[in-house]
């Protein structure tokens, strides 16, 4: 160790720091077709087709493949492949990362071997349009059949009044036993 050496502390993307911010994982055997919206962090190791709008971190792992018209997030780390336009605060393309599409970002970094085919535009500020009302509507599950069944049922007190017995309650009902005769089976040796 030298007396004159100065080591500057720089913020560096490390896998440990990124894993702490990832709350959902799309595993390597999963093929997802549909949109992905919300807050938090997501790591994609499988195949994803659809729009992604995340108010947080999106990591596309080495085995991950994303095909989307728009990928919008605060931070995007690409180690796999992305086919689509990316809008984010911070974009990092790793050495195994491949991006086909236009990029709008505030901060950009890439490693040796990273690939980007598209236009790159740097902005001073980028906002990710995730509205709280959209998230609340997405979380409410519609009740299709249950609502129809509840409205079709009569009130309990009304249902009891509407039912009138066909016979008086004090007369016992006569039940005749049913006889079931089984058909006789012939054996193959009988004529």
C-alpha atoms as a PDB file:
ATOM      1  CA  UNK A   1       0.000   0.000   0.000  1.00  0.00           C
ATOM      2  CA  UNK A   2       1.396   3.313  -1.008  1.00  0.00           C
ATOM      3  CA  UNK A   3       1.124   6.556   0.901  1.00  0.00           C
ATOM      4  CA  UNK A   4       0.263   8.494  -2.239  1.00  0.00           C
ATOM      5  CA  UNK A   5      -2.406   6.196  -3.620  1.00  0.00           C
ATOM      6  CA  UNK A   6      -5.892   7.587  -3.657  1.00  0.00           C
ATOM      7  CA  UNK A   7      -8.805   5.394  -4.289  1.00  0.00           C
ATOM      8  CA  UNK A   8     -11.997   7.159  -5.227  1.00  0.00           C
ATOM      9  CA  UNK A   9     -15.270   5.700  -4.091  1.00  0.00           C
ATOM     10  CA  UNK A  10     -17.526   5.405  -7.108  1.00  0.00           C
ATOM     11  CA  UNK A  11     -21.009   4.024  -7.302  1.00  0.00           C
ATOM     12  CA  UNK A  12     -20.670   0.795  -9.238  1.00  0.00           C
ATOM     13  CA  UNK A  13     -23.385  -1.618 -10.375  1.00  0.00           C
ATOM     14  CA  UNK A  14     -22.649  -4.877  -8.641  1.00  0.00           C
ATOM     15  CA  UNK A  15     -24.845  -7.957  -8.797  1.00  0.00           C
ATOM     16  CA  UNK A  16     -25.260  -7.971  -4.990  1.00  0.00           C
ATOM     17  CA  UNK A  17     -26.642  -4.418  -4.948  1.00  0.00           C
ATOM     18  CA  UNK A  18     -29.013  -5.199  -7.837  1.00  0.00           C
ATOM     19  CA  UNK A  19     -30.315  -8.424  -6.279  1.00  0.00           C
ATOM     20  CA  UNK A  20     -31.351  -6.530  -3.158  1.00  0.00           C
ATOM     21  CA  UNK A  21     -33.632  -4.317  -5.289  1.00  0.00           C
ATOM     22  CA  UNK A  22     -35.223  -7.174  -7.308  1.00  0.00           C
ATOM     23  CA  UNK A  23     -38.523  -8.350  -5.835  1.00  0.00           C
ATOM     24  CA  UNK A  24     -39.842 -10.545  -8.713  1.00  0.00           C
ATOM     25  CA  UNK A  25     -38.139 -13.042 -11.021  1.00  0.00           C
ATOM     26  CA  UNK A  26     -39.332 -14.435 -14.339  1.00  0.00           C
ATOM     27  CA  UNK A  27     -37.362 -17.695 -14.421  1.00  0.00           C
ATOM     28  CA  UNK A  28     -35.429 -19.237 -17.315  1.00  0.00           C
ATOM     29  CA  UNK A  29     -38.167 -21.706 -18.303  1.00  0.00           C
ATOM     30  CA  UNK A  30     -40.997 -19.160 -18.365  1.00  0.00           C
ATOM     31  CA  UNK A  31     -42.512 -17.665 -21.545  1.00  0.00           C
ATOM     32  CA  UNK A  32     -44.639 -14.629 -20.638  1.00  0.00           C
ATOM     33  CA  UNK A  33     -46.968 -13.028 -23.195  1.00  0.00           C
ATOM     34  CA  UNK A  34     -48.616  -9.875 -21.863  1.00  0.00           C
ATOM     35  CA  UNK A  35     -47.893  -6.513 -20.336  1.00  0.00           C
ATOM     36  CA  UNK A  36     -45.946  -5.968 -17.133  1.00  0.00           C
ATOM     37  CA  UNK A  37     -46.773  -2.839 -15.104  1.00  0.00           C
ATOM     38  CA  UNK A  38     -46.039  -1.867 -11.514  1.00  0.00           C
ATOM     39  CA  UNK A  39     -43.471  -0.757  -8.998  1.00  0.00           C
ATOM     40  CA  UNK A  40     -40.483  -2.586  -7.578  1.00  0.00           C
ATOM     41  CA  UNK A  41     -37.778  -4.596  -9.282  1.00  0.00           C
ATOM     42  CA  UNK A  42     -38.003  -7.479 -11.728  1.00  0.00           C
ATOM     43  CA  UNK A  43     -35.384  -9.825 -13.162  1.00  0.00           C
ATOM     44  CA  UNK A  44     -36.204 -11.537 -16.463  1.00  0.00           C
ATOM     45  CA  UNK A  45     -34.351 -14.759 -17.232  1.00  0.00           C
ATOM     46  CA  UNK A  46     -37.026 -16.238 -19.512  1.00  0.00           C
ATOM     47  CA  UNK A  47     -38.843 -14.926 -22.584  1.00  0.00           C
ATOM     48  CA  UNK A  48     -41.149 -11.909 -22.300  1.00  0.00           C
ATOM     49  CA  UNK A  49     -43.423 -10.433 -24.998  1.00  0.00           C
ATOM     50  CA  UNK A  50     -45.364  -7.267 -24.228  1.00  0.00           C
ATOM     51  CA  UNK A  51     -45.010  -3.752 -22.861  1.00  0.00           C
ATOM     52  CA  UNK A  52     -43.022  -3.219 -19.665  1.00  0.00           C
ATOM     53  CA  UNK A  53     -43.618  -0.143 -17.509  1.00  0.00           C
ATOM     54  CA  UNK A  54     -41.914  -0.508 -14.126  1.00  0.00           C
ATOM     55  CA  UNK A  55     -41.306   2.230 -11.595  1.00  0.00           C
ATOM     56  CA  UNK A  56     -38.083   0.620 -10.417  1.00  0.00           C
ATOM     57  CA  UNK A  57     -35.384  -1.746 -11.685  1.00  0.00           C
ATOM     58  CA  UNK A  58     -35.571  -4.111 -14.681  1.00  0.00           C
ATOM     59  CA  UNK A  59     -32.746  -6.633 -15.139  1.00  0.00           C
ATOM     60  CA  UNK A  60     -32.647  -8.776 -18.270  1.00  0.00           C
ATOM     61  CA  UNK A  61     -30.356 -11.678 -17.395  1.00  0.00           C
ATOM     62  CA  UNK A  62     -28.011 -13.492 -19.777  1.00  0.00           C
ATOM     63  CA  UNK A  63     -30.709 -16.050 -20.644  1.00  0.00           C
ATOM     64  CA  UNK A  64     -33.441 -13.395 -20.821  1.00  0.00           C
ATOM     65  CA  UNK A  65     -35.089 -12.311 -24.065  1.00  0.00           C
ATOM     66  CA  UNK A  66     -37.514  -9.372 -24.174  1.00  0.00           C
ATOM     67  CA  UNK A  67     -39.574  -8.453 -27.238  1.00  0.00           C
ATOM     68  CA  UNK A  68     -41.569  -5.322 -26.522  1.00  0.00           C
ATOM     69  CA  UNK A  69     -42.654  -2.147 -28.276  1.00  0.00           C
ATOM     70  CA  UNK A  70     -41.788  -0.093 -25.160  1.00  0.00           C
ATOM     71  CA  UNK A  71     -39.684  -0.836 -22.094  1.00  0.00           C
ATOM     72  CA  UNK A  72     -39.953   1.992 -19.556  1.00  0.00           C
ATOM     73  CA  UNK A  73     -38.227   1.822 -16.172  1.00  0.00           C
ATOM     74  CA  UNK A  74     -36.056   3.840 -13.822  1.00  0.00           C
ATOM     75  CA  UNK A  75     -33.031   1.563 -14.232  1.00  0.00           C
ATOM     76  CA  UNK A  76     -32.494  -1.056 -16.936  1.00  0.00           C
ATOM     77  CA  UNK A  77     -29.615  -3.544 -16.935  1.00  0.00           C
ATOM     78  CA  UNK A  78     -29.315  -5.658 -20.094  1.00  0.00           C
ATOM     79  CA  UNK A  79     -27.211  -8.827 -20.054  1.00  0.00           C
ATOM     80  CA  UNK A  80     -29.519 -10.707 -22.460  1.00  0.00           C
ATOM     81  CA  UNK A  81     -31.398  -9.473 -25.528  1.00  0.00           C
ATOM     82  CA  UNK A  82     -33.978  -6.712 -25.914  1.00  0.00           C
ATOM     83  CA  UNK A  83     -35.906  -5.980 -29.111  1.00  0.00           C
ATOM     84  CA  UNK A  84     -37.777  -2.743 -28.556  1.00  0.00           C
ATOM     85  CA  UNK A  85     -37.441   0.867 -27.534  1.00  0.00           C
ATOM     86  CA  UNK A  86     -36.085   1.652 -24.058  1.00  0.00           C
ATOM     87  CA  UNK A  87     -36.881   4.762 -22.015  1.00  0.00           C
ATOM     88  CA  UNK A  88     -35.149   4.978 -18.643  1.00  0.00           C
ATOM     89  CA  UNK A  89     -33.163   7.048 -16.177  1.00  0.00           C
ATOM     90  CA  UNK A  90     -30.142   4.733 -16.241  1.00  0.00           C
ATOM     91  CA  UNK A  91     -29.247   2.090 -18.836  1.00  0.00           C
ATOM     92  CA  UNK A  92     -26.393  -0.370 -18.494  1.00  0.00           C
ATOM     93  CA  UNK A  93     -25.605  -2.839 -21.279  1.00  0.00           C
ATOM     94  CA  UNK A  94     -23.311  -5.645 -20.120  1.00  0.00           C
ATOM     95  CA  UNK A  95     -20.794  -7.422 -22.362  1.00  0.00           C
ATOM     96  CA  UNK A  96     -23.349 -10.147 -23.207  1.00  0.00           C
ATOM     97  CA  UNK A  97     -26.172  -7.631 -23.706  1.00  0.00           C
ATOM     98  CA  UNK A  98     -27.806  -7.009 -27.093  1.00  0.00           C
ATOM     99  CA  UNK A  99     -30.301  -4.191 -27.763  1.00  0.00           C
ATOM    100  CA  UNK A 100     -32.200  -3.608 -31.019  1.00  0.00           C
ATOM    101  CA  UNK A 101     -34.210  -0.403 -30.685  1.00  0.00           C
ATOM    102  CA  UNK A 102     -34.086   3.279 -29.863  1.00  0.00           C
ATOM    103  CA  UNK A 103     -32.949   4.405 -26.417  1.00  0.00           C
ATOM    104  CA  UNK A 104     -33.847   7.524 -24.424  1.00  0.00           C
ATOM    105  CA  UNK A 105     -31.843   7.740 -21.191  1.00  0.00           C
ATOM    106  CA  UNK A 106     -30.321  10.155 -18.699  1.00  0.00           C
ATOM    107  CA  UNK A 107     -27.293   7.944 -17.886  1.00  0.00           C
ATOM    108  CA  UNK A 108     -25.765   5.298 -20.112  1.00  0.00           C
ATOM    109  CA  UNK A 109     -22.938   2.830 -19.615  1.00  0.00           C
ATOM    110  CA  UNK A 110     -21.763  -0.222 -21.500  1.00  0.00           C
ATOM    111  CA  UNK A 111     -19.085  -2.857 -21.184  1.00  0.00           C
ATOM    112  CA  UNK A 112     -16.729  -4.033 -23.920  1.00  0.00           C
ATOM    113  CA  UNK A 113     -18.671  -6.309 -26.269  1.00  0.00           C
ATOM    114  CA  UNK A 114     -22.073  -4.723 -25.630  1.00  0.00           C
ATOM    115  CA  UNK A 115     -24.291  -4.257 -28.701  1.00  0.00           C
ATOM    116  CA  UNK A 116     -26.772  -1.461 -29.486  1.00  0.00           C
ATOM    117  CA  UNK A 117     -28.463  -1.001 -32.841  1.00  0.00           C
ATOM    118  CA  UNK A 118     -30.732   2.034 -32.855  1.00  0.00           C
ATOM    119  CA  UNK A 119     -30.704   5.706 -32.033  1.00  0.00           C
ATOM    120  CA  UNK A 120     -29.423   6.905 -28.684  1.00  0.00           C
ATOM    121  CA  UNK A 121     -30.799  10.128 -27.212  1.00  0.00           C
ATOM    122  CA  UNK A 122     -29.602  11.553 -23.901  1.00  0.00           C
ATOM    123  CA  UNK A 123     -32.046  13.664 -21.891  1.00  0.00           C
ATOM    124  CA  UNK A 124     -31.630  15.654 -18.699  1.00  0.00           C
ATOM    125  CA  UNK A 125     -34.690  14.077 -17.144  1.00  0.00           C
ATOM    126  CA  UNK A 126     -36.984  11.138 -17.977  1.00  0.00           C
ATOM    127  CA  UNK A 127     -40.233  10.386 -16.172  1.00  0.00           C
ATOM    128  CA  UNK A 128     -41.790   6.943 -16.110  1.00  0.00           C
ATOM    129  CA  UNK A 129     -45.594   7.346 -16.425  1.00  0.00           C
ATOM    130  CA  UNK A 130     -46.856   4.875 -13.813  1.00  0.00           C
ATOM    131  CA  UNK A 131     -49.994   6.365 -12.297  1.00  0.00           C
ATOM    132  CA  UNK A 132     -51.341   5.199  -8.974  1.00  0.00           C
ATOM    133  CA  UNK A 133     -54.869   4.993 -10.417  1.00  0.00           C
ATOM    134  CA  UNK A 134     -53.673   2.544 -13.091  1.00  0.00           C
ATOM    135  CA  UNK A 135     -52.061   0.371 -10.422  1.00  0.00           C
ATOM    136  CA  UNK A 136     -55.202   0.425  -8.258  1.00  0.00           C
ATOM    137  CA  UNK A 137     -57.403  -0.549 -11.209  1.00  0.00           C
ATOM    138  CA  UNK A 138     -55.038  -3.359 -12.153  1.00  0.00           C
ATOM    139  CA  UNK A 139     -55.128  -4.763  -8.608  1.00  0.00           C
ATOM    140  CA  UNK A 140     -58.932  -4.901  -8.421  1.00  0.00           C
ATOM    141  CA  UNK A 141     -60.117  -8.237  -9.715  1.00  0.00           C
ATOM    142  CA  UNK A 142     -63.461  -8.102 -11.543  1.00  0.00           C
ATOM    143  CA  UNK A 143     -66.210 -10.388 -10.301  1.00  0.00           C
ATOM    144  CA  UNK A 144     -68.071 -11.560 -13.365  1.00  0.00           C
ATOM    145  CA  UNK A 145     -70.238 -14.506 -12.352  1.00  0.00           C
ATOM    146  CA  UNK A 146     -70.487 -13.774  -8.634  1.00  0.00           C
ATOM    147  CA  UNK A 147     -72.170 -10.391  -9.171  1.00  0.00           C
ATOM    148  CA  UNK A 148     -74.752 -11.930 -11.516  1.00  0.00           C
ATOM    149  CA  UNK A 149     -75.541 -14.706  -9.038  1.00  0.00           C
ATOM    150  CA  UNK A 150     -75.940 -12.368  -6.077  1.00  0.00           C
ATOM    151  CA  UNK A 151     -78.373 -10.082  -7.882  1.00  0.00           C
ATOM    152  CA  UNK A 152     -80.454 -13.040  -9.142  1.00  0.00           C
ATOM    153  CA  UNK A 153     -81.075 -14.539  -5.678  1.00  0.00           C
ATOM    154  CA  UNK A 154     -84.166 -13.374  -3.764  1.00  0.00           C
ATOM    155  CA  UNK A 155     -83.932 -11.991  -0.253  1.00  0.00           C
ATOM    156  CA  UNK A 156     -83.845 -14.783   2.376  1.00  0.00           C
ATOM    157  CA  UNK A 157     -87.041 -13.632   4.160  1.00  0.00           C
ATOM    158  CA  UNK A 158     -88.875 -13.343   0.840  1.00  0.00           C
ATOM    159  CA  UNK A 159     -87.743 -16.807  -0.259  1.00  0.00           C
ATOM    160  CA  UNK A 160     -89.171 -18.407   2.875  1.00  0.00           C
ATOM    161  CA  UNK A 161     -92.538 -16.670   2.480  1.00  0.00           C
ATOM    162  CA  UNK A 162     -92.806 -17.653  -1.188  1.00  0.00           C
ATOM    163  CA  UNK A 163     -92.405 -21.358  -0.437  1.00  0.00           C
ATOM    164  CA  UNK A 164     -95.777 -22.905   0.428  1.00  0.00           C
ATOM    165  CA  UNK A 165     -96.007 -26.566   1.186  1.00  0.00           C
ATOM    166  CA  UNK A 166     -98.015 -28.639  -1.260  1.00  0.00           C
ATOM    167  CA  UNK A 167     -99.323 -30.953   1.474  1.00  0.00           C
ATOM    168  CA  UNK A 168    -100.158 -30.201   5.054  1.00  0.00           C
ATOM    169  CA  UNK A 169     -97.230 -30.811   7.366  1.00  0.00           C
ATOM    170  CA  UNK A 170     -99.121 -33.113   9.766  1.00  0.00           C
ATOM    171  CA  UNK A 171    -100.104 -35.767   7.191  1.00  0.00           C
ATOM    172  CA  UNK A 172     -97.395 -38.290   6.522  1.00  0.00           C
ATOM    173  CA  UNK A 173     -96.509 -38.900   2.954  1.00  0.00           C
ATOM    174  CA  UNK A 174     -96.829 -42.429   1.707  1.00  0.00           C
ATOM    175  CA  UNK A 175     -93.783 -43.716  -0.031  1.00  0.00           C
ATOM    176  CA  UNK A 176     -94.115 -46.872  -2.028  1.00  0.00           C
ATOM    177  CA  UNK A 177     -91.063 -49.013  -2.300  1.00  0.00           C
ATOM    178  CA  UNK A 178     -89.701 -49.385  -5.753  1.00  0.00           C
ATOM    179  CA  UNK A 179     -88.842 -52.849  -6.875  1.00  0.00           C
ATOM    180  CA  UNK A 180     -86.130 -53.158  -9.327  1.00  0.00           C
ATOM    181  CA  UNK A 181     -85.981 -56.420 -11.136  1.00  0.00           C
ATOM    182  CA  UNK A 182     -82.694 -57.319 -12.576  1.00  0.00           C
ATOM    183  CA  UNK A 183     -82.795 -58.911 -15.980  1.00  0.00           C
ATOM    184  CA  UNK A 184     -81.764 -62.516 -16.023  1.00  0.00           C
ATOM    185  CA  UNK A 185     -78.555 -63.093 -17.837  1.00  0.00           C
ATOM    186  CA  UNK A 186     -78.140 -66.164 -19.922  1.00  0.00           C
ATOM    187  CA  UNK A 187     -74.929 -67.982 -19.809  1.00  0.00           C
ATOM    188  CA  UNK A 188     -73.275 -68.812 -23.111  1.00  0.00           C
ATOM    189  CA  UNK A 189     -73.808 -72.540 -22.433  1.00  0.00           C
ATOM    190  CA  UNK A 190     -77.581 -72.261 -22.085  1.00  0.00           C
ATOM    191  CA  UNK A 191     -79.768 -72.486 -25.126  1.00  0.00           C
END
